[in-house]
Amino acid sequence: MKINRRVGDSPRARGCMTDSNCPDIFELSDGRFAVIGTEMTERIRGILPADAGVGPGERIVVVTRETFTRARGDIPEV
């Protein structure tokens, strides 16, 4: 597996000048996406809708709204 590309602007372009607390999104060579964000599984698990769940090996990761909105144009429709 490899990283094909960054999706959206780099953290520096969004004003993050450190190596921490800078969310990021990458498209992987297998078509999936990798997200760097704040791990909040236990905090959010209890407020998930009834038809949502977090399986073994999964984590809920939170990124800023700006990270997602600035990535919107880079996310393929299909």
PDB file of N, CA and C in Angstrom:
ATOM      1  N   MET A   1       0.841  -1.167   0.000  1.00  0.00           N
ATOM      2  CA  MET A   1       0.000   0.000   0.000  1.00  0.00           C
ATOM      3  C   MET A   1       0.895   1.241   0.000  1.00  0.00           C
ATOM      4  N   LYS A   2       0.469   2.244  -0.754  1.00  0.00           N
ATOM      5  CA  LYS A   2       1.195   3.502  -0.833  1.00  0.00           C
ATOM      6  C   LYS A   2       0.212   4.663  -0.755  1.00  0.00           C
ATOM      7  N   ILE A   3       0.732   5.825  -0.462  1.00  0.00           N
ATOM      8  CA  ILE A   3      -0.091   7.040  -0.509  1.00  0.00           C
ATOM      9  C   ILE A   3      -0.013   7.583  -1.924  1.00  0.00           C
ATOM     10  N   ASN A   4      -1.171   7.680  -2.568  1.00  0.00           N
ATOM     11  CA  ASN A   4      -1.221   8.245  -3.922  1.00  0.00           C
ATOM     12  C   ASN A   4      -1.107   9.758  -3.907  1.00  0.00           C
ATOM     13  N   ARG A   5      -1.839  10.384  -2.976  1.00  0.00           N
ATOM     14  CA  ARG A   5      -1.839  11.849  -2.965  1.00  0.00           C
ATOM     15  C   ARG A   5      -2.505  12.366  -1.705  1.00  0.00           C
ATOM     16  N   ARG A   6      -2.233  13.611  -1.413  1.00  0.00           N
ATOM     17  CA  ARG A   6      -2.933  14.324  -0.349  1.00  0.00           C
ATOM     18  C   ARG A   6      -4.265  14.791  -0.919  1.00  0.00           C
ATOM     19  N   VAL A   7      -5.289  14.739  -0.121  1.00  0.00           N
ATOM     20  CA  VAL A   7      -6.603  15.219  -0.520  1.00  0.00           C
ATOM     21  C   VAL A   7      -6.831  16.551   0.188  1.00  0.00           C
ATOM     22  N   GLY A   8      -6.964  17.600  -0.586  1.00  0.00           N
ATOM     23  CA  GLY A   8      -7.121  18.934   0.004  1.00  0.00           C
ATOM     24  C   GLY A   8      -5.784  19.603   0.218  1.00  0.00           C
ATOM     25  N   ASP A   9      -5.833  20.703   0.912  1.00  0.00           N
ATOM     26  CA  ASP A   9      -4.628  21.496   1.167  1.00  0.00           C
ATOM     27  C   ASP A   9      -3.783  20.880   2.272  1.00  0.00           C
ATOM     28  N   SER A  10      -2.491  21.141   2.212  1.00  0.00           N
ATOM     29  CA  SER A  10      -1.591  20.665   3.261  1.00  0.00           C
ATOM     30  C   SER A  10      -1.900  21.407   4.565  1.00  0.00           C
ATOM     31  N   PRO A  11      -1.509  20.825   5.697  1.00  0.00           N
ATOM     32  CA  PRO A  11      -1.707  21.535   6.959  1.00  0.00           C
ATOM     33  C   PRO A  11      -1.066  22.926   6.960  1.00  0.00           C
ATOM     34  N   ARG A  12       0.106  23.059   6.376  1.00  0.00           N
ATOM     35  CA  ARG A  12       0.754  24.385   6.332  1.00  0.00           C
ATOM     36  C   ARG A  12      -0.075  25.388   5.548  1.00  0.00           C
ATOM     37  N   ALA A  13      -0.687  24.942   4.455  1.00  0.00           N
ATOM     38  CA  ALA A  13      -1.537  25.835   3.658  1.00  0.00           C
ATOM     39  C   ALA A  13      -2.775  26.258   4.446  1.00  0.00           C
ATOM     40  N   ARG A  14      -3.164  25.429   5.439  1.00  0.00           N
ATOM     41  CA  ARG A  14      -4.309  25.761   6.276  1.00  0.00           C
ATOM     42  C   ARG A  14      -3.888  26.501   7.535  1.00  0.00           C
ATOM     43  N   GLY A  15      -2.590  26.822   7.652  1.00  0.00           N
ATOM     44  CA  GLY A  15      -2.119  27.623   8.770  1.00  0.00           C
ATOM     45  C   GLY A  15      -1.545  26.846   9.938  1.00  0.00           C
ATOM     46  N   CYS A  16      -1.378  25.540   9.816  1.00  0.00           N
ATOM     47  CA  CYS A  16      -0.792  24.739  10.884  1.00  0.00           C
ATOM     48  C   CYS A  16       0.719  24.715  10.684  1.00  0.00           C
ATOM     49  N   MET A  17       1.437  25.271  11.607  1.00  0.00           N
ATOM     50  CA  MET A  17       2.882  25.396  11.454  1.00  0.00           C
ATOM     51  C   MET A  17       3.666  24.476  12.370  1.00  0.00           C
ATOM     52  N   THR A  18       2.990  23.511  13.009  1.00  0.00           N
ATOM     53  CA  THR A  18       3.686  22.567  13.879  1.00  0.00           C
ATOM     54  C   THR A  18       3.526  21.162  13.309  1.00  0.00           C
ATOM     55  N   ASP A  19       4.129  20.197  13.954  1.00  0.00           N
ATOM     56  CA  ASP A  19       4.003  18.810  13.515  1.00  0.00           C
ATOM     57  C   ASP A  19       2.914  18.057  14.278  1.00  0.00           C
ATOM     58  N   SER A  20       2.130  18.756  15.095  1.00  0.00           N
ATOM     59  CA  SER A  20       1.086  18.083  15.856  1.00  0.00           C
ATOM     60  C   SER A  20      -0.223  18.855  15.755  1.00  0.00           C
ATOM     61  N   ASN A  21      -1.309  18.126  15.950  1.00  0.00           N
ATOM     62  CA  ASN A  21      -2.660  18.692  15.891  1.00  0.00           C
ATOM     63  C   ASN A  21      -2.961  19.326  14.540  1.00  0.00           C
ATOM     64  N   CYS A  22      -2.479  18.697  13.485  1.00  0.00           N
ATOM     65  CA  CYS A  22      -2.699  19.182  12.126  1.00  0.00           C
ATOM     66  C   CYS A  22      -3.369  18.072  11.315  1.00  0.00           C
ATOM     67  N   PRO A  23      -4.698  18.050  11.257  1.00  0.00           N
ATOM     68  CA  PRO A  23      -5.375  16.987  10.530  1.00  0.00           C
ATOM     69  C   PRO A  23      -4.983  16.961   9.056  1.00  0.00           C
ATOM     70  N   ASP A  24      -5.079  15.780   8.452  1.00  0.00           N
ATOM     71  CA  ASP A  24      -4.700  15.616   7.056  1.00  0.00           C
ATOM     72  C   ASP A  24      -5.460  14.434   6.478  1.00  0.00           C
ATOM     73  N   ILE A  25      -5.636  14.409   5.155  1.00  0.00           N
ATOM     74  CA  ILE A  25      -6.350  13.330   4.475  1.00  0.00           C
ATOM     75  C   ILE A  25      -5.515  12.892   3.272  1.00  0.00           C
ATOM     76  N   PHE A  26      -5.395  11.566   3.104  1.00  0.00           N
ATOM     77  CA  PHE A  26      -4.624  11.012   1.992  1.00  0.00           C
ATOM     78  C   PHE A  26      -5.436   9.945   1.274  1.00  0.00           C
ATOM     79  N   GLU A  27      -5.290   9.877  -0.060  1.00  0.00           N
ATOM     80  CA  GLU A  27      -5.872   8.792  -0.826  1.00  0.00           C
ATOM     81  C   GLU A  27      -4.813   7.711  -0.961  1.00  0.00           C
ATOM     82  N   LEU A  28      -5.198   6.472  -0.651  1.00  0.00           N
ATOM     83  CA  LEU A  28      -4.270   5.355  -0.704  1.00  0.00           C
ATOM     84  C   LEU A  28      -4.337   4.658  -2.055  1.00  0.00           C
ATOM     85  N   SER A  29      -3.310   3.881  -2.352  1.00  0.00           N
ATOM     86  CA  SER A  29      -3.225   3.208  -3.652  1.00  0.00           C
ATOM     87  C   SER A  29      -4.356   2.215  -3.882  1.00  0.00           C
ATOM     88  N   ASP A  30      -4.991   1.737  -2.829  1.00  0.00           N
ATOM     89  CA  ASP A  30      -6.109   0.798  -2.991  1.00  0.00           C
ATOM     90  C   ASP A  30      -7.466   1.498  -3.049  1.00  0.00           C
ATOM     91  N   GLY A  31      -7.461   2.843  -3.087  1.00  0.00           N
ATOM     92  CA  GLY A  31      -8.702   3.599  -3.212  1.00  0.00           C
ATOM     93  C   GLY A  31      -9.301   4.052  -1.895  1.00  0.00           C
ATOM     94  N   ARG A  32      -8.808   3.526  -0.788  1.00  0.00           N
ATOM     95  CA  ARG A  32      -9.299   3.974   0.520  1.00  0.00           C
ATOM     96  C   ARG A  32      -8.645   5.301   0.889  1.00  0.00           C
ATOM     97  N   PHE A  33      -9.134   5.900   1.987  1.00  0.00           N
ATOM     98  CA  PHE A  33      -8.595   7.161   2.462  1.00  0.00           C
ATOM     99  C   PHE A  33      -8.039   6.983   3.869  1.00  0.00           C
ATOM    100  N   ALA A  34      -6.910   7.602   4.137  1.00  0.00           N
ATOM    101  CA  ALA A  34      -6.323   7.620   5.468  1.00  0.00           C
ATOM    102  C   ALA A  34      -6.504   9.028   6.026  1.00  0.00           C
ATOM    103  N   VAL A  35      -6.943   9.100   7.284  1.00  0.00           N
ATOM    104  CA  VAL A  35      -7.226  10.387   7.913  1.00  0.00           C
ATOM    105  C   VAL A  35      -6.384  10.526   9.168  1.00  0.00           C
ATOM    106  N   ILE A  36      -5.698  11.640   9.278  1.00  0.00           N
ATOM    107  CA  ILE A  36      -4.981  11.983  10.502  1.00  0.00           C
ATOM    108  C   ILE A  36      -5.857  12.983  11.234  1.00  0.00           C
ATOM    109  N   GLY A  37      -6.237  12.636  12.432  1.00  0.00           N
ATOM    110  CA  GLY A  37      -7.098  13.506  13.226  1.00  0.00           C
ATOM    111  C   GLY A  37      -6.988  13.155  14.694  1.00  0.00           C
ATOM    112  N   THR A  38      -7.870  13.703  15.475  1.00  0.00           N
ATOM    113  CA  THR A  38      -7.880  13.451  16.908  1.00  0.00           C
ATOM    114  C   THR A  38      -8.731  12.221  17.200  1.00  0.00           C
ATOM    115  N   GLU A  39      -8.157  11.227  17.844  1.00  0.00           N
ATOM    116  CA  GLU A  39      -8.875  10.003  18.173  1.00  0.00           C
ATOM    117  C   GLU A  39      -9.874  10.312  19.291  1.00  0.00           C
ATOM    118  N   MET A  40     -11.158  10.046  19.029  1.00  0.00           N
ATOM    119  CA  MET A  40     -12.213  10.363  20.005  1.00  0.00           C
ATOM    120  C   MET A  40     -13.241   9.239  20.120  1.00  0.00           C
ATOM    121  N   THR A  41     -12.809   8.009  19.910  1.00  0.00           N
ATOM    122  CA  THR A  41     -13.730   6.876  19.889  1.00  0.00           C
ATOM    123  C   THR A  41     -14.594   6.794  21.147  1.00  0.00           C
ATOM    124  N   GLU A  42     -13.988   6.768  22.292  1.00  0.00           N
ATOM    125  CA  GLU A  42     -14.757   6.583  23.524  1.00  0.00           C
ATOM    126  C   GLU A  42     -15.666   7.766  23.816  1.00  0.00           C
ATOM    127  N   ARG A  43     -15.245   8.929  23.446  1.00  0.00           N
ATOM    128  CA  ARG A  43     -16.059  10.131  23.700  1.00  0.00           C
ATOM    129  C   ARG A  43     -17.310  10.167  22.814  1.00  0.00           C
ATOM    130  N   ILE A  44     -17.211   9.632  21.592  1.00  0.00           N
ATOM    131  CA  ILE A  44     -18.308   9.723  20.628  1.00  0.00           C
ATOM    132  C   ILE A  44     -19.123   8.435  20.529  1.00  0.00           C
ATOM    133  N   ARG A  45     -18.553   7.312  20.887  1.00  0.00           N
ATOM    134  CA  ARG A  45     -19.237   6.024  20.741  1.00  0.00           C
ATOM    135  C   ARG A  45     -20.660   6.052  21.316  1.00  0.00           C
ATOM    136  N   GLY A  46     -20.860   6.628  22.462  1.00  0.00           N
ATOM    137  CA  GLY A  46     -22.158   6.646  23.125  1.00  0.00           C
ATOM    138  C   GLY A  46     -23.201   7.541  22.483  1.00  0.00           C
ATOM    139  N   ILE A  47     -22.804   8.396  21.563  1.00  0.00           N
ATOM    140  CA  ILE A  47     -23.781   9.279  20.908  1.00  0.00           C
ATOM    141  C   ILE A  47     -23.991   8.926  19.440  1.00  0.00           C
ATOM    142  N   LEU A  48     -23.421   7.807  19.000  1.00  0.00           N
ATOM    143  CA  LEU A  48     -23.622   7.373  17.616  1.00  0.00           C
ATOM    144  C   LEU A  48     -25.079   6.980  17.399  1.00  0.00           C
ATOM    145  N   PRO A  49     -25.594   7.141  16.180  1.00  0.00           N
ATOM    146  CA  PRO A  49     -26.944   6.662  15.880  1.00  0.00           C
ATOM    147  C   PRO A  49     -27.029   5.151  16.108  1.00  0.00           C
ATOM    148  N   ALA A  50     -28.226   4.647  16.327  1.00  0.00           N
ATOM    149  CA  ALA A  50     -28.426   3.230  16.638  1.00  0.00           C
ATOM    150  C   ALA A  50     -27.900   2.298  15.551  1.00  0.00           C
ATOM    151  N   ASP A  51     -27.883   2.755  14.303  1.00  0.00           N
ATOM    152  CA  ASP A  51     -27.431   1.885  13.214  1.00  0.00           C
ATOM    153  C   ASP A  51     -25.954   2.070  12.872  1.00  0.00           C
ATOM    154  N   ALA A  52     -25.194   2.694  13.760  1.00  0.00           N
ATOM    155  CA  ALA A  52     -23.753   2.893  13.555  1.00  0.00           C
ATOM    156  C   ALA A  52     -22.998   2.208  14.689  1.00  0.00           C
ATOM    157  N   GLY A  53     -21.821   1.734  14.388  1.00  0.00           N
ATOM    158  CA  GLY A  53     -21.015   1.101  15.417  1.00  0.00           C
ATOM    159  C   GLY A  53     -19.542   1.181  15.073  1.00  0.00           C
ATOM    160  N   VAL A  54     -18.717   0.920  16.051  1.00  0.00           N
ATOM    161  CA  VAL A  54     -17.262   0.934  15.880  1.00  0.00           C
ATOM    162  C   VAL A  54     -16.772  -0.483  16.131  1.00  0.00           C
ATOM    163  N   GLY A  55     -16.269  -1.107  15.091  1.00  0.00           N
ATOM    164  CA  GLY A  55     -15.826  -2.490  15.192  1.00  0.00           C
ATOM    165  C   GLY A  55     -14.423  -2.616  15.746  1.00  0.00           C
ATOM    166  N   PRO A  56     -14.023  -3.849  16.013  1.00  0.00           N
ATOM    167  CA  PRO A  56     -12.651  -4.092  16.469  1.00  0.00           C
ATOM    168  C   PRO A  56     -11.660  -3.543  15.442  1.00  0.00           C
ATOM    169  N   GLY A  57     -10.684  -2.833  15.905  1.00  0.00           N
ATOM    170  CA  GLY A  57      -9.683  -2.269  15.004  1.00  0.00           C
ATOM    171  C   GLY A  57     -10.081  -0.942  14.394  1.00  0.00           C
ATOM    172  N   GLU A  58     -11.309  -0.480  14.649  1.00  0.00           N
ATOM    173  CA  GLU A  58     -11.748   0.816  14.121  1.00  0.00           C
ATOM    174  C   GLU A  58     -11.668   1.880  15.209  1.00  0.00           C
ATOM    175  N   ARG A  59     -11.472   3.101  14.776  1.00  0.00           N
ATOM    176  CA  ARG A  59     -11.435   4.237  15.685  1.00  0.00           C
ATOM    177  C   ARG A  59     -12.209   5.388  15.052  1.00  0.00           C
ATOM    178  N   ILE A  60     -12.833   6.192  15.873  1.00  0.00           N
ATOM    179  CA  ILE A  60     -13.475   7.418  15.398  1.00  0.00           C
ATOM    180  C   ILE A  60     -12.417   8.513  15.470  1.00  0.00           C
ATOM    181  N   VAL A  61     -12.185   9.154  14.335  1.00  0.00           N
ATOM    182  CA  VAL A  61     -11.189  10.212  14.248  1.00  0.00           C
ATOM    183  C   VAL A  61     -11.893  11.498  13.831  1.00  0.00           C
ATOM    184  N   VAL A  62     -11.625  12.564  14.535  1.00  0.00           N
ATOM    185  CA  VAL A  62     -12.254  13.851  14.264  1.00  0.00           C
ATOM    186  C   VAL A  62     -11.248  14.782  13.592  1.00  0.00           C
ATOM    187  N   VAL A  63     -11.705  15.449  12.529  1.00  0.00           N
ATOM    188  CA  VAL A  63     -10.898  16.474  11.868  1.00  0.00           C
ATOM    189  C   VAL A  63     -11.722  17.758  11.817  1.00  0.00           C
ATOM    190  N   THR A  64     -11.049  18.845  11.601  1.00  0.00           N
ATOM    191  CA  THR A  64     -11.748  20.126  11.555  1.00  0.00           C
ATOM    192  C   THR A  64     -12.639  20.225  10.318  1.00  0.00           C
ATOM    193  N   ARG A  65     -13.647  21.043  10.421  1.00  0.00           N
ATOM    194  CA  ARG A  65     -14.528  21.298   9.276  1.00  0.00           C
ATOM    195  C   ARG A  65     -13.722  21.838   8.096  1.00  0.00           C
ATOM    196  N   GLU A  66     -12.776  22.731   8.388  1.00  0.00           N
ATOM    197  CA  GLU A  66     -11.950  23.309   7.335  1.00  0.00           C
ATOM    198  C   GLU A  66     -11.179  22.235   6.569  1.00  0.00           C
ATOM    199  N   THR A  67     -10.663  21.233   7.273  1.00  0.00           N
ATOM    200  CA  THR A  67      -9.934  20.153   6.612  1.00  0.00           C
ATOM    201  C   THR A  67     -10.812  19.464   5.575  1.00  0.00           C
ATOM    202  N   PHE A  68     -12.054  19.139   5.944  1.00  0.00           N
ATOM    203  CA  PHE A  68     -12.951  18.456   5.007  1.00  0.00           C
ATOM    204  C   PHE A  68     -13.435  19.369   3.895  1.00  0.00           C
ATOM    205  N   THR A  69     -13.801  20.595   4.213  1.00  0.00           N
ATOM    206  CA  THR A  69     -14.332  21.469   3.162  1.00  0.00           C
ATOM    207  C   THR A  69     -13.252  21.823   2.148  1.00  0.00           C
ATOM    208  N   ARG A  70     -12.012  21.950   2.591  1.00  0.00           N
ATOM    209  CA  ARG A  70     -10.934  22.256   1.646  1.00  0.00           C
ATOM    210  C   ARG A  70     -10.505  21.029   0.852  1.00  0.00           C
ATOM    211  N   ALA A  71     -10.919  19.840   1.290  1.00  0.00           N
ATOM    212  CA  ALA A  71     -10.629  18.607   0.547  1.00  0.00           C
ATOM    213  C   ALA A  71     -11.744  18.270  -0.440  1.00  0.00           C
ATOM    214  N   ARG A  72     -12.879  18.882  -0.295  1.00  0.00           N
ATOM    215  CA  ARG A  72     -14.068  18.534  -1.087  1.00  0.00           C
ATOM    216  C   ARG A  72     -13.792  18.417  -2.583  1.00  0.00           C
ATOM    217  N   GLY A  73     -13.096  19.355  -3.150  1.00  0.00           N
ATOM    218  CA  GLY A  73     -12.833  19.354  -4.587  1.00  0.00           C
ATOM    219  C   GLY A  73     -11.912  18.241  -5.054  1.00  0.00           C
ATOM    220  N   ASP A  74     -11.152  17.641  -4.137  1.00  0.00           N
ATOM    221  CA  ASP A  74     -10.214  16.577  -4.478  1.00  0.00           C
ATOM    222  C   ASP A  74     -10.789  15.180  -4.298  1.00  0.00           C
ATOM    223  N   ILE A  75     -11.990  15.070  -3.728  1.00  0.00           N
ATOM    224  CA  ILE A  75     -12.587  13.764  -3.469  1.00  0.00           C
ATOM    225  C   ILE A  75     -13.390  13.350  -4.707  1.00  0.00           C
ATOM    226  N   PRO A  76     -13.041  12.200  -5.281  1.00  0.00           N
ATOM    227  CA  PRO A  76     -13.753  11.765  -6.494  1.00  0.00           C
ATOM    228  C   PRO A  76     -15.215  11.440  -6.179  1.00  0.00           C
ATOM    229  N   GLU A  77     -16.083  11.632  -7.182  1.00  0.00           N
ATOM    230  CA  GLU A  77     -17.508  11.348  -6.999  1.00  0.00           C
ATOM    231  C   GLU A  77     -17.802   9.865  -7.018  1.00  0.00           C
ATOM    232  N   VAL A  78     -17.001   9.100  -7.707  1.00  0.00           N
ATOM    233  CA  VAL A  78     -17.207   7.644  -7.784  1.00  0.00           C
ATOM    234  C   VAL A  78     -15.944   6.918  -7.441  1.00  0.00           C
TER     235      VAL A  78
END
